[in-house]
């Protein structure tokens, strides 16, 4: 089964985009430096982005070239999934393993890049790239009425599908392709896929029936749900799913060709037909003028 041959990881639900109020900044930065990790000698920590049950995310700048980075501090737990990798004396968190796998042999612009990491006492510290002017796709849609037109959806889904294809080709199953795990530059519409995990609203039907699912079809299902949400502004409900299953679902504002794509059984053709291009991002159009 593909579900066993793919590496998978559950999200820690640490947000990236919304910064915490300034009063907490000084305290948290002091706490971070109290850990005294060697890795921070190369970075200047400039603020706290967010915090969650598993740790914190800071923003910073690499001293040698001014590159903006995210510094993610993850608390070690007994339930944390780990794997052994060459060069490490002990197993490391699956999140680190997956980021190393998905960026090998080379990184792609549509997937967040792990720049460095360190294992210290009770924490793991990850240094990741921090895209400029980014916000998550949930925030992006919320400030545009909840949905976008087909032209914008084409650009977004092109990149998201490509990022998903790269993950699958490198034996990494991203189980959490959702609005909050996609960063977007609202000016250029360029995206980055972040955080690997599993969100039930995006799970395929067989998960609810059998408690398990295969990796590649589940990815296609998640992409289909994402496409639906981006275009319709809400998750497919029971009525939507029934009409899709009967192949009679329609949306007034969508073109006939797109409506037809949405009702195909399992949406297996999602990566093969409009509005989703196939395999390469070389000709992905710019979104600079579409939102104007």
C-alpha atoms as a PDB file:
ATOM      1  CA  UNK A   1       0.000   0.000   0.000  1.00  0.00           C
ATOM      2  CA  UNK A   2       1.190   3.501  -0.865  1.00  0.00           C
ATOM      3  CA  UNK A   3       0.191   4.662   2.597  1.00  0.00           C
ATOM      4  CA  UNK A   4       3.061   2.619   4.075  1.00  0.00           C
ATOM      5  CA  UNK A   5       5.691   3.414   1.440  1.00  0.00           C
ATOM      6  CA  UNK A   6       5.381   7.176   1.921  1.00  0.00           C
ATOM      7  CA  UNK A   7       6.873   9.107   4.817  1.00  0.00           C
ATOM      8  CA  UNK A   8       4.184  11.063   6.645  1.00  0.00           C
ATOM      9  CA  UNK A   9       3.959  13.571   9.472  1.00  0.00           C
ATOM     10  CA  UNK A  10       1.251  15.193  11.598  1.00  0.00           C
ATOM     11  CA  UNK A  11       1.177  18.958  11.901  1.00  0.00           C
ATOM     12  CA  UNK A  12       2.065  20.735  15.118  1.00  0.00           C
ATOM     13  CA  UNK A  13      -0.365  23.568  14.367  1.00  0.00           C
ATOM     14  CA  UNK A  14       2.136  26.378  14.859  1.00  0.00           C
ATOM     15  CA  UNK A  15       1.051  29.303  12.701  1.00  0.00           C
ATOM     16  CA  UNK A  16       3.430  31.352  10.614  1.00  0.00           C
ATOM     17  CA  UNK A  17       1.703  34.471   9.501  1.00  0.00           C
ATOM     18  CA  UNK A  18       0.088  36.490  12.284  1.00  0.00           C
ATOM     19  CA  UNK A  19       2.580  38.064  14.665  1.00  0.00           C
ATOM     20  CA  UNK A  20       1.823  38.140  18.366  1.00  0.00           C
ATOM     21  CA  UNK A  21       1.386  41.486  20.127  1.00  0.00           C
ATOM     22  CA  UNK A  22       4.678  43.397  20.689  1.00  0.00           C
ATOM     23  CA  UNK A  23       4.570  43.208  24.544  1.00  0.00           C
ATOM     24  CA  UNK A  24       5.435  39.505  24.426  1.00  0.00           C
ATOM     25  CA  UNK A  25       8.384  39.982  22.078  1.00  0.00           C
ATOM     26  CA  UNK A  26      11.129  40.860  24.564  1.00  0.00           C
ATOM     27  CA  UNK A  27      10.252  38.012  26.922  1.00  0.00           C
ATOM     28  CA  UNK A  28      10.152  35.370  24.210  1.00  0.00           C
ATOM     29  CA  UNK A  29      13.356  36.487  22.516  1.00  0.00           C
ATOM     30  CA  UNK A  30      15.123  36.362  25.879  1.00  0.00           C
ATOM     31  CA  UNK A  31      13.764  32.859  26.429  1.00  0.00           C
ATOM     32  CA  UNK A  32      15.064  31.748  23.047  1.00  0.00           C
ATOM     33  CA  UNK A  33      18.569  33.048  23.703  1.00  0.00           C
ATOM     34  CA  UNK A  34      18.602  31.403  27.137  1.00  0.00           C
ATOM     35  CA  UNK A  35      18.680  28.084  25.284  1.00  0.00           C
ATOM     36  CA  UNK A  36      22.100  29.148  23.928  1.00  0.00           C
ATOM     37  CA  UNK A  37      21.979  27.104  20.727  1.00  0.00           C
ATOM     38  CA  UNK A  38      25.109  27.434  18.585  1.00  0.00           C
ATOM     39  CA  UNK A  39      22.938  27.693  15.511  1.00  0.00           C
ATOM     40  CA  UNK A  40      21.711  31.149  16.544  1.00  0.00           C
ATOM     41  CA  UNK A  41      25.211  32.627  16.358  1.00  0.00           C
ATOM     42  CA  UNK A  42      24.579  33.100  12.643  1.00  0.00           C
ATOM     43  CA  UNK A  43      21.191  34.795  13.036  1.00  0.00           C
ATOM     44  CA  UNK A  44      19.627  37.908  14.525  1.00  0.00           C
ATOM     45  CA  UNK A  45      16.212  37.203  16.055  1.00  0.00           C
ATOM     46  CA  UNK A  46      13.904  40.138  15.344  1.00  0.00           C
ATOM     47  CA  UNK A  47      10.477  39.052  16.551  1.00  0.00           C
ATOM     48  CA  UNK A  48       8.012  36.383  17.553  1.00  0.00           C
ATOM     49  CA  UNK A  49       5.651  35.241  14.818  1.00  0.00           C
ATOM     50  CA  UNK A  50       3.484  32.774  16.731  1.00  0.00           C
ATOM     51  CA  UNK A  51       3.355  30.062  19.340  1.00  0.00           C
ATOM     52  CA  UNK A  52       1.460  26.802  19.781  1.00  0.00           C
ATOM     53  CA  UNK A  53       1.259  23.736  21.970  1.00  0.00           C
ATOM     54  CA  UNK A  54       4.453  22.277  20.506  1.00  0.00           C
ATOM     55  CA  UNK A  55       6.679  25.360  20.383  1.00  0.00           C
ATOM     56  CA  UNK A  56       7.254  28.795  18.909  1.00  0.00           C
ATOM     57  CA  UNK A  57       8.163  30.407  15.601  1.00  0.00           C
ATOM     58  CA  UNK A  58      10.383  33.503  15.471  1.00  0.00           C
ATOM     59  CA  UNK A  59      11.389  35.734  12.617  1.00  0.00           C
ATOM     60  CA  UNK A  60      15.043  36.554  12.107  1.00  0.00           C
ATOM     61  CA  UNK A  61      17.777  37.533   9.700  1.00  0.00           C
ATOM     62  CA  UNK A  62      20.870  35.623   8.634  1.00  0.00           C
ATOM     63  CA  UNK A  63      23.873  37.777   9.522  1.00  0.00           C
ATOM     64  CA  UNK A  64      26.064  36.979   6.525  1.00  0.00           C
ATOM     65  CA  UNK A  65      23.592  38.090   3.867  1.00  0.00           C
ATOM     66  CA  UNK A  66      20.480  39.511   5.555  1.00  0.00           C
ATOM     67  CA  UNK A  67      18.254  36.640   4.409  1.00  0.00           C
ATOM     68  CA  UNK A  68      14.932  36.635   6.261  1.00  0.00           C
ATOM     69  CA  UNK A  69      14.297  33.354   8.072  1.00  0.00           C
ATOM     70  CA  UNK A  70      11.816  31.669  10.373  1.00  0.00           C
ATOM     71  CA  UNK A  71      13.283  30.096  13.515  1.00  0.00           C
ATOM     72  CA  UNK A  72      11.033  27.284  14.708  1.00  0.00           C
ATOM     73  CA  UNK A  73      11.574  25.956  18.239  1.00  0.00           C
ATOM     74  CA  UNK A  74       9.886  22.584  18.764  1.00  0.00           C
ATOM     75  CA  UNK A  75       9.568  21.071  22.237  1.00  0.00           C
ATOM     76  CA  UNK A  76      10.582  17.415  22.462  1.00  0.00           C
ATOM     77  CA  UNK A  77       7.813  15.061  23.542  1.00  0.00           C
ATOM     78  CA  UNK A  78       7.565  11.319  24.135  1.00  0.00           C
ATOM     79  CA  UNK A  79       4.910  11.010  21.444  1.00  0.00           C
ATOM     80  CA  UNK A  80       6.947  12.855  18.794  1.00  0.00           C
ATOM     81  CA  UNK A  81       7.541  10.699  15.723  1.00  0.00           C
ATOM     82  CA  UNK A  82      11.240  10.259  14.918  1.00  0.00           C
ATOM     83  CA  UNK A  83      13.383   8.559  12.297  1.00  0.00           C
ATOM     84  CA  UNK A  84      17.072   7.722  12.034  1.00  0.00           C
ATOM     85  CA  UNK A  85      19.023   9.493   9.318  1.00  0.00           C
ATOM     86  CA  UNK A  86      22.670   9.205   8.222  1.00  0.00           C
ATOM     87  CA  UNK A  87      24.991  11.475  10.192  1.00  0.00           C
ATOM     88  CA  UNK A  88      22.754  11.816  13.238  1.00  0.00           C
ATOM     89  CA  UNK A  89      23.592   9.809  16.394  1.00  0.00           C
ATOM     90  CA  UNK A  90      19.929   9.647  17.425  1.00  0.00           C
ATOM     91  CA  UNK A  91      16.561   9.669  15.648  1.00  0.00           C
ATOM     92  CA  UNK A  92      15.300  13.102  14.595  1.00  0.00           C
ATOM     93  CA  UNK A  93      11.737  14.448  14.289  1.00  0.00           C
ATOM     94  CA  UNK A  94       9.859  13.311  11.230  1.00  0.00           C
ATOM     95  CA  UNK A  95       9.249  16.938  10.264  1.00  0.00           C
ATOM     96  CA  UNK A  96      12.995  17.443   9.774  1.00  0.00           C
ATOM     97  CA  UNK A  97      13.324  14.168   7.864  1.00  0.00           C
ATOM     98  CA  UNK A  98      10.507  15.113   5.502  1.00  0.00           C
ATOM     99  CA  UNK A  99      11.891  18.579   4.853  1.00  0.00           C
ATOM    100  CA  UNK A 100      15.283  17.073   4.036  1.00  0.00           C
ATOM    101  CA  UNK A 101      13.667  14.508   1.725  1.00  0.00           C
ATOM    102  CA  UNK A 102      11.402  16.921  -0.108  1.00  0.00           C
ATOM    103  CA  UNK A 103      14.264  19.354  -0.784  1.00  0.00           C
ATOM    104  CA  UNK A 104      16.581  16.639  -2.120  1.00  0.00           C
ATOM    105  CA  UNK A 105      18.265  16.610  -4.612  1.00  0.00           C
ATOM    106  CA  UNK A 106      17.267  20.264  -5.064  1.00  0.00           C
ATOM    107  CA  UNK A 107      14.724  22.647  -3.586  1.00  0.00           C
ATOM    108  CA  UNK A 108      11.751  23.954  -5.553  1.00  0.00           C
ATOM    109  CA  UNK A 109      10.286  27.437  -5.019  1.00  0.00           C
ATOM    110  CA  UNK A 110       6.826  26.053  -4.212  1.00  0.00           C
ATOM    111  CA  UNK A 111       7.927  24.158  -1.081  1.00  0.00           C
ATOM    112  CA  UNK A 112       9.362  25.714   2.069  1.00  0.00           C
ATOM    113  CA  UNK A 113      13.095  25.122   2.444  1.00  0.00           C
ATOM    114  CA  UNK A 114      14.875  23.900   5.582  1.00  0.00           C
ATOM    115  CA  UNK A 115      18.128  25.866   5.810  1.00  0.00           C
ATOM    116  CA  UNK A 116      19.567  24.354   9.007  1.00  0.00           C
ATOM    117  CA  UNK A 117      18.597  22.603  12.232  1.00  0.00           C
ATOM    118  CA  UNK A 118      20.020  21.706  15.642  1.00  0.00           C
ATOM    119  CA  UNK A 119      19.172  19.283  18.458  1.00  0.00           C
ATOM    120  CA  UNK A 120      19.581  20.912  21.894  1.00  0.00           C
ATOM    121  CA  UNK A 121      18.470  19.716  25.358  1.00  0.00           C
ATOM    122  CA  UNK A 122      14.657  19.656  25.330  1.00  0.00           C
ATOM    123  CA  UNK A 123      14.167  21.297  21.934  1.00  0.00           C
ATOM    124  CA  UNK A 124      14.789  21.055  18.224  1.00  0.00           C
ATOM    125  CA  UNK A 125      15.544  24.281  16.391  1.00  0.00           C
ATOM    126  CA  UNK A 126      14.717  24.579  12.694  1.00  0.00           C
ATOM    127  CA  UNK A 127      15.850  27.430  10.464  1.00  0.00           C
ATOM    128  CA  UNK A 128      13.512  27.833   7.508  1.00  0.00           C
ATOM    129  CA  UNK A 129      13.219  30.351   4.737  1.00  0.00           C
ATOM    130  CA  UNK A 130      10.668  33.104   5.407  1.00  0.00           C
ATOM    131  CA  UNK A 131       8.980  34.330   2.220  1.00  0.00           C
ATOM    132  CA  UNK A 132       8.531  38.094   2.084  1.00  0.00           C
ATOM    133  CA  UNK A 133       5.074  39.681   2.016  1.00  0.00           C
ATOM    134  CA  UNK A 134       3.459  36.330   2.695  1.00  0.00           C
ATOM    135  CA  UNK A 135       0.114  35.451   4.217  1.00  0.00           C
ATOM    136  CA  UNK A 136      -1.654  32.125   4.376  1.00  0.00           C
ATOM    137  CA  UNK A 137      -4.257  31.261   1.776  1.00  0.00           C
ATOM    138  CA  UNK A 138      -7.044  31.294   4.369  1.00  0.00           C
ATOM    139  CA  UNK A 139      -6.281  34.945   5.189  1.00  0.00           C
ATOM    140  CA  UNK A 140      -5.880  35.755   1.486  1.00  0.00           C
ATOM    141  CA  UNK A 141      -9.333  34.382   0.620  1.00  0.00           C
ATOM    142  CA  UNK A 142     -11.024  35.883   3.687  1.00  0.00           C
ATOM    143  CA  UNK A 143     -10.026  39.357   2.515  1.00  0.00           C
ATOM    144  CA  UNK A 144     -11.349  38.719  -0.996  1.00  0.00           C
ATOM    145  CA  UNK A 145     -14.856  37.611  -0.209  1.00  0.00           C
ATOM    146  CA  UNK A 146     -13.955  33.993   0.549  1.00  0.00           C
ATOM    147  CA  UNK A 147     -13.205  32.846  -2.991  1.00  0.00           C
ATOM    148  CA  UNK A 148     -11.406  33.801  -6.210  1.00  0.00           C
ATOM    149  CA  UNK A 149     -12.228  33.642  -9.896  1.00  0.00           C
ATOM    150  CA  UNK A 150     -11.104  30.880 -12.238  1.00  0.00           C
ATOM    151  CA  UNK A 151      -8.102  32.827 -13.541  1.00  0.00           C
ATOM    152  CA  UNK A 152      -6.639  33.216 -10.055  1.00  0.00           C
ATOM    153  CA  UNK A 153      -7.600  29.650  -9.108  1.00  0.00           C
ATOM    154  CA  UNK A 154      -5.699  28.399 -12.157  1.00  0.00           C
ATOM    155  CA  UNK A 155      -2.482  30.081 -10.998  1.00  0.00           C
ATOM    156  CA  UNK A 156      -2.837  28.911  -7.400  1.00  0.00           C
ATOM    157  CA  UNK A 157      -3.764  25.311  -8.190  1.00  0.00           C
ATOM    158  CA  UNK A 158      -1.019  25.064 -10.812  1.00  0.00           C
ATOM    159  CA  UNK A 159       1.603  25.707  -8.148  1.00  0.00           C
ATOM    160  CA  UNK A 160      -0.075  23.691  -5.379  1.00  0.00           C
ATOM    161  CA  UNK A 161      -0.448  20.683  -7.655  1.00  0.00           C
ATOM    162  CA  UNK A 162       3.157  20.934  -8.765  1.00  0.00           C
ATOM    163  CA  UNK A 163       4.337  21.093  -5.142  1.00  0.00           C
ATOM    164  CA  UNK A 164       2.225  18.015  -4.375  1.00  0.00           C
ATOM    165  CA  UNK A 165       3.689  16.162  -7.347  1.00  0.00           C
ATOM    166  CA  UNK A 166       7.208  16.941  -6.134  1.00  0.00           C
ATOM    167  CA  UNK A 167       6.344  15.603  -2.667  1.00  0.00           C
ATOM    168  CA  UNK A 168       4.966  12.370  -4.114  1.00  0.00           C
ATOM    169  CA  UNK A 169       7.898  11.893  -6.490  1.00  0.00           C
ATOM    170  CA  UNK A 170      10.269  12.171  -3.510  1.00  0.00           C
ATOM    171  CA  UNK A 171       8.255   9.685  -1.445  1.00  0.00           C
ATOM    172  CA  UNK A 172       6.889  12.312   0.914  1.00  0.00           C
ATOM    173  CA  UNK A 173       3.138  12.358   1.499  1.00  0.00           C
ATOM    174  CA  UNK A 174       1.924  15.800   2.546  1.00  0.00           C
ATOM    175  CA  UNK A 175      -1.203  14.934   4.513  1.00  0.00           C
ATOM    176  CA  UNK A 176      -2.226  18.497   5.247  1.00  0.00           C
ATOM    177  CA  UNK A 177      -2.770  20.364   1.988  1.00  0.00           C
ATOM    178  CA  UNK A 178      -5.093  23.028   3.351  1.00  0.00           C
ATOM    179  CA  UNK A 179      -5.538  26.806   3.216  1.00  0.00           C
ATOM    180  CA  UNK A 180      -3.531  27.448   6.386  1.00  0.00           C
ATOM    181  CA  UNK A 181      -0.537  25.478   5.119  1.00  0.00           C
ATOM    182  CA  UNK A 182      -0.128  27.404   1.895  1.00  0.00           C
ATOM    183  CA  UNK A 183       1.689  30.725   2.032  1.00  0.00           C
ATOM    184  CA  UNK A 184       0.989  33.205  -0.742  1.00  0.00           C
ATOM    185  CA  UNK A 185       2.488  36.488  -1.869  1.00  0.00           C
ATOM    186  CA  UNK A 186      -0.673  38.523  -2.577  1.00  0.00           C
ATOM    187  CA  UNK A 187       1.105  40.610  -5.215  1.00  0.00           C
ATOM    188  CA  UNK A 188       2.714  37.896  -7.330  1.00  0.00           C
ATOM    189  CA  UNK A 189       0.406  34.998  -6.314  1.00  0.00           C
ATOM    190  CA  UNK A 190       3.475  32.802  -5.791  1.00  0.00           C
ATOM    191  CA  UNK A 191       2.864  30.106  -3.161  1.00  0.00           C
ATOM    192  CA  UNK A 192       4.838  27.916  -0.784  1.00  0.00           C
ATOM    193  CA  UNK A 193       3.663  24.669   0.778  1.00  0.00           C
ATOM    194  CA  UNK A 194       4.493  24.407   4.497  1.00  0.00           C
ATOM    195  CA  UNK A 195       3.824  22.076   7.496  1.00  0.00           C
ATOM    196  CA  UNK A 196       3.167  18.390   6.943  1.00  0.00           C
ATOM    197  CA  UNK A 197       0.258  16.785   8.798  1.00  0.00           C
ATOM    198  CA  UNK A 198      -3.360  15.693   8.548  1.00  0.00           C
ATOM    199  CA  UNK A 199      -6.583  17.714   8.707  1.00  0.00           C
ATOM    200  CA  UNK A 200      -9.844  15.756   8.762  1.00  0.00           C
ATOM    201  CA  UNK A 201     -11.845  18.229   6.666  1.00  0.00           C
ATOM    202  CA  UNK A 202      -9.511  17.408   3.769  1.00  0.00           C
ATOM    203  CA  UNK A 203      -9.450  13.624   4.317  1.00  0.00           C
ATOM    204  CA  UNK A 204     -10.888  11.370   1.586  1.00  0.00           C
ATOM    205  CA  UNK A 205     -14.080   9.329   2.183  1.00  0.00           C
ATOM    206  CA  UNK A 206     -12.214   6.036   2.706  1.00  0.00           C
ATOM    207  CA  UNK A 207     -10.576   7.527   5.826  1.00  0.00           C
ATOM    208  CA  UNK A 208     -13.978   7.780   7.489  1.00  0.00           C
ATOM    209  CA  UNK A 209     -14.972   4.267   6.384  1.00  0.00           C
ATOM    210  CA  UNK A 210     -11.754   2.296   6.877  1.00  0.00           C
ATOM    211  CA  UNK A 211      -9.612   4.561   9.047  1.00  0.00           C
ATOM    212  CA  UNK A 212      -6.859   4.456   6.403  1.00  0.00           C
ATOM    213  CA  UNK A 213      -6.205   5.597   2.846  1.00  0.00           C
ATOM    214  CA  UNK A 214      -3.663   5.419   0.036  1.00  0.00           C
ATOM    215  CA  UNK A 215      -1.232   8.271  -0.364  1.00  0.00           C
ATOM    216  CA  UNK A 216      -1.559   9.401  -3.978  1.00  0.00           C
ATOM    217  CA  UNK A 217      -5.374   9.185  -4.313  1.00  0.00           C
ATOM    218  CA  UNK A 218      -5.705  10.934  -0.942  1.00  0.00           C
ATOM    219  CA  UNK A 219      -3.496  13.759  -2.209  1.00  0.00           C
ATOM    220  CA  UNK A 220      -5.715  14.154  -5.274  1.00  0.00           C
ATOM    221  CA  UNK A 221      -8.788  14.235  -3.042  1.00  0.00           C
ATOM    222  CA  UNK A 222      -7.235  16.964  -0.871  1.00  0.00           C
ATOM    223  CA  UNK A 223      -6.440  18.974  -3.993  1.00  0.00           C
ATOM    224  CA  UNK A 224     -10.037  18.578  -5.123  1.00  0.00           C
ATOM    225  CA  UNK A 225     -11.352  19.832  -1.781  1.00  0.00           C
ATOM    226  CA  UNK A 226      -8.928  22.745  -1.942  1.00  0.00           C
ATOM    227  CA  UNK A 227     -10.054  23.643  -5.467  1.00  0.00           C
ATOM    228  CA  UNK A 228     -13.683  23.513  -4.323  1.00  0.00           C
ATOM    229  CA  UNK A 229     -13.019  25.812  -1.353  1.00  0.00           C
ATOM    230  CA  UNK A 230     -10.985  28.294  -3.404  1.00  0.00           C
ATOM    231  CA  UNK A 231     -13.740  28.619  -6.009  1.00  0.00           C
ATOM    232  CA  UNK A 232     -16.891  28.232  -3.883  1.00  0.00           C
ATOM    233  CA  UNK A 233     -15.819  29.800  -0.599  1.00  0.00           C
ATOM    234  CA  UNK A 234     -16.880  26.854   1.583  1.00  0.00           C
ATOM    235  CA  UNK A 235     -16.218  23.162   2.109  1.00  0.00           C
ATOM    236  CA  UNK A 236     -18.348  20.701   0.145  1.00  0.00           C
ATOM    237  CA  UNK A 237     -21.259  19.660   2.364  1.00  0.00           C
ATOM    238  CA  UNK A 238     -23.299  16.457   2.238  1.00  0.00           C
ATOM    239  CA  UNK A 239     -25.521  17.836  -0.517  1.00  0.00           C
ATOM    240  CA  UNK A 240     -22.542  18.928  -2.610  1.00  0.00           C
ATOM    241  CA  UNK A 241     -20.928  15.506  -2.240  1.00  0.00           C
ATOM    242  CA  UNK A 242     -24.164  13.752  -3.197  1.00  0.00           C
ATOM    243  CA  UNK A 243     -24.554  15.893  -6.338  1.00  0.00           C
ATOM    244  CA  UNK A 244     -20.891  15.365  -7.220  1.00  0.00           C
ATOM    245  CA  UNK A 245     -21.331  11.615  -6.776  1.00  0.00           C
ATOM    246  CA  UNK A 246     -24.370  11.739  -9.084  1.00  0.00           C
ATOM    247  CA  UNK A 247     -22.357  13.898 -11.500  1.00  0.00           C
ATOM    248  CA  UNK A 248     -25.004  16.615 -11.580  1.00  0.00           C
ATOM    249  CA  UNK A 249     -23.282  19.217  -9.385  1.00  0.00           C
ATOM    250  CA  UNK A 250     -23.199  22.723 -10.890  1.00  0.00           C
ATOM    251  CA  UNK A 251     -22.086  26.166  -9.772  1.00  0.00           C
ATOM    252  CA  UNK A 252     -23.633  29.107 -11.605  1.00  0.00           C
ATOM    253  CA  UNK A 253     -20.508  31.238 -11.749  1.00  0.00           C
ATOM    254  CA  UNK A 254     -18.186  28.447 -12.936  1.00  0.00           C
ATOM    255  CA  UNK A 255     -17.534  27.587 -16.554  1.00  0.00           C
ATOM    256  CA  UNK A 256     -19.021  24.311 -17.851  1.00  0.00           C
ATOM    257  CA  UNK A 257     -15.555  22.804 -18.317  1.00  0.00           C
ATOM    258  CA  UNK A 258     -14.583  23.497 -14.706  1.00  0.00           C
ATOM    259  CA  UNK A 259     -17.898  22.215 -13.368  1.00  0.00           C
ATOM    260  CA  UNK A 260     -17.305  19.045 -15.384  1.00  0.00           C
ATOM    261  CA  UNK A 261     -13.844  18.679 -13.867  1.00  0.00           C
ATOM    262  CA  UNK A 262     -15.255  19.006 -10.355  1.00  0.00           C
ATOM    263  CA  UNK A 263     -17.752  16.137 -10.744  1.00  0.00           C
ATOM    264  CA  UNK A 264     -15.426  13.498 -12.149  1.00  0.00           C
ATOM    265  CA  UNK A 265     -15.376  10.431  -9.871  1.00  0.00           C
ATOM    266  CA  UNK A 266     -12.577  10.858  -7.328  1.00  0.00           C
ATOM    267  CA  UNK A 267     -11.232  13.753  -9.415  1.00  0.00           C
ATOM    268  CA  UNK A 268      -8.483  11.445 -10.701  1.00  0.00           C
ATOM    269  CA  UNK A 269      -7.951  13.726 -13.664  1.00  0.00           C
ATOM    270  CA  UNK A 270      -7.324  16.757 -11.462  1.00  0.00           C
ATOM    271  CA  UNK A 271      -3.651  17.011 -12.418  1.00  0.00           C
ATOM    272  CA  UNK A 272      -4.303  16.304 -16.089  1.00  0.00           C
ATOM    273  CA  UNK A 273      -6.920  18.850 -17.120  1.00  0.00           C
ATOM    274  CA  UNK A 274      -7.812  22.524 -16.961  1.00  0.00           C
ATOM    275  CA  UNK A 275      -7.481  24.499 -14.776  1.00  0.00           C
ATOM    276  CA  UNK A 276      -4.582  22.396 -13.482  1.00  0.00           C
ATOM    277  CA  UNK A 277      -1.493  22.151 -15.725  1.00  0.00           C
ATOM    278  CA  UNK A 278       0.689  19.074 -15.841  1.00  0.00           C
ATOM    279  CA  UNK A 279       4.026  18.507 -14.135  1.00  0.00           C
ATOM    280  CA  UNK A 280       5.993  21.667 -14.879  1.00  0.00           C
ATOM    281  CA  UNK A 281       5.882  25.195 -13.565  1.00  0.00           C
ATOM    282  CA  UNK A 282       8.105  26.610 -16.289  1.00  0.00           C
ATOM    283  CA  UNK A 283       5.205  28.445 -17.906  1.00  0.00           C
ATOM    284  CA  UNK A 284       3.213  29.374 -14.836  1.00  0.00           C
ATOM    285  CA  UNK A 285       1.690  32.808 -15.563  1.00  0.00           C
ATOM    286  CA  UNK A 286       2.275  35.702 -13.219  1.00  0.00           C
ATOM    287  CA  UNK A 287      -0.592  36.850 -11.048  1.00  0.00           C
ATOM    288  CA  UNK A 288       0.547  40.452 -10.854  1.00  0.00           C
ATOM    289  CA  UNK A 289      -2.174  41.827 -13.136  1.00  0.00           C
ATOM    290  CA  UNK A 290      -5.043  39.443 -12.441  1.00  0.00           C
ATOM    291  CA  UNK A 291      -6.038  40.961  -9.099  1.00  0.00           C
ATOM    292  CA  UNK A 292      -6.014  44.512 -10.397  1.00  0.00           C
END
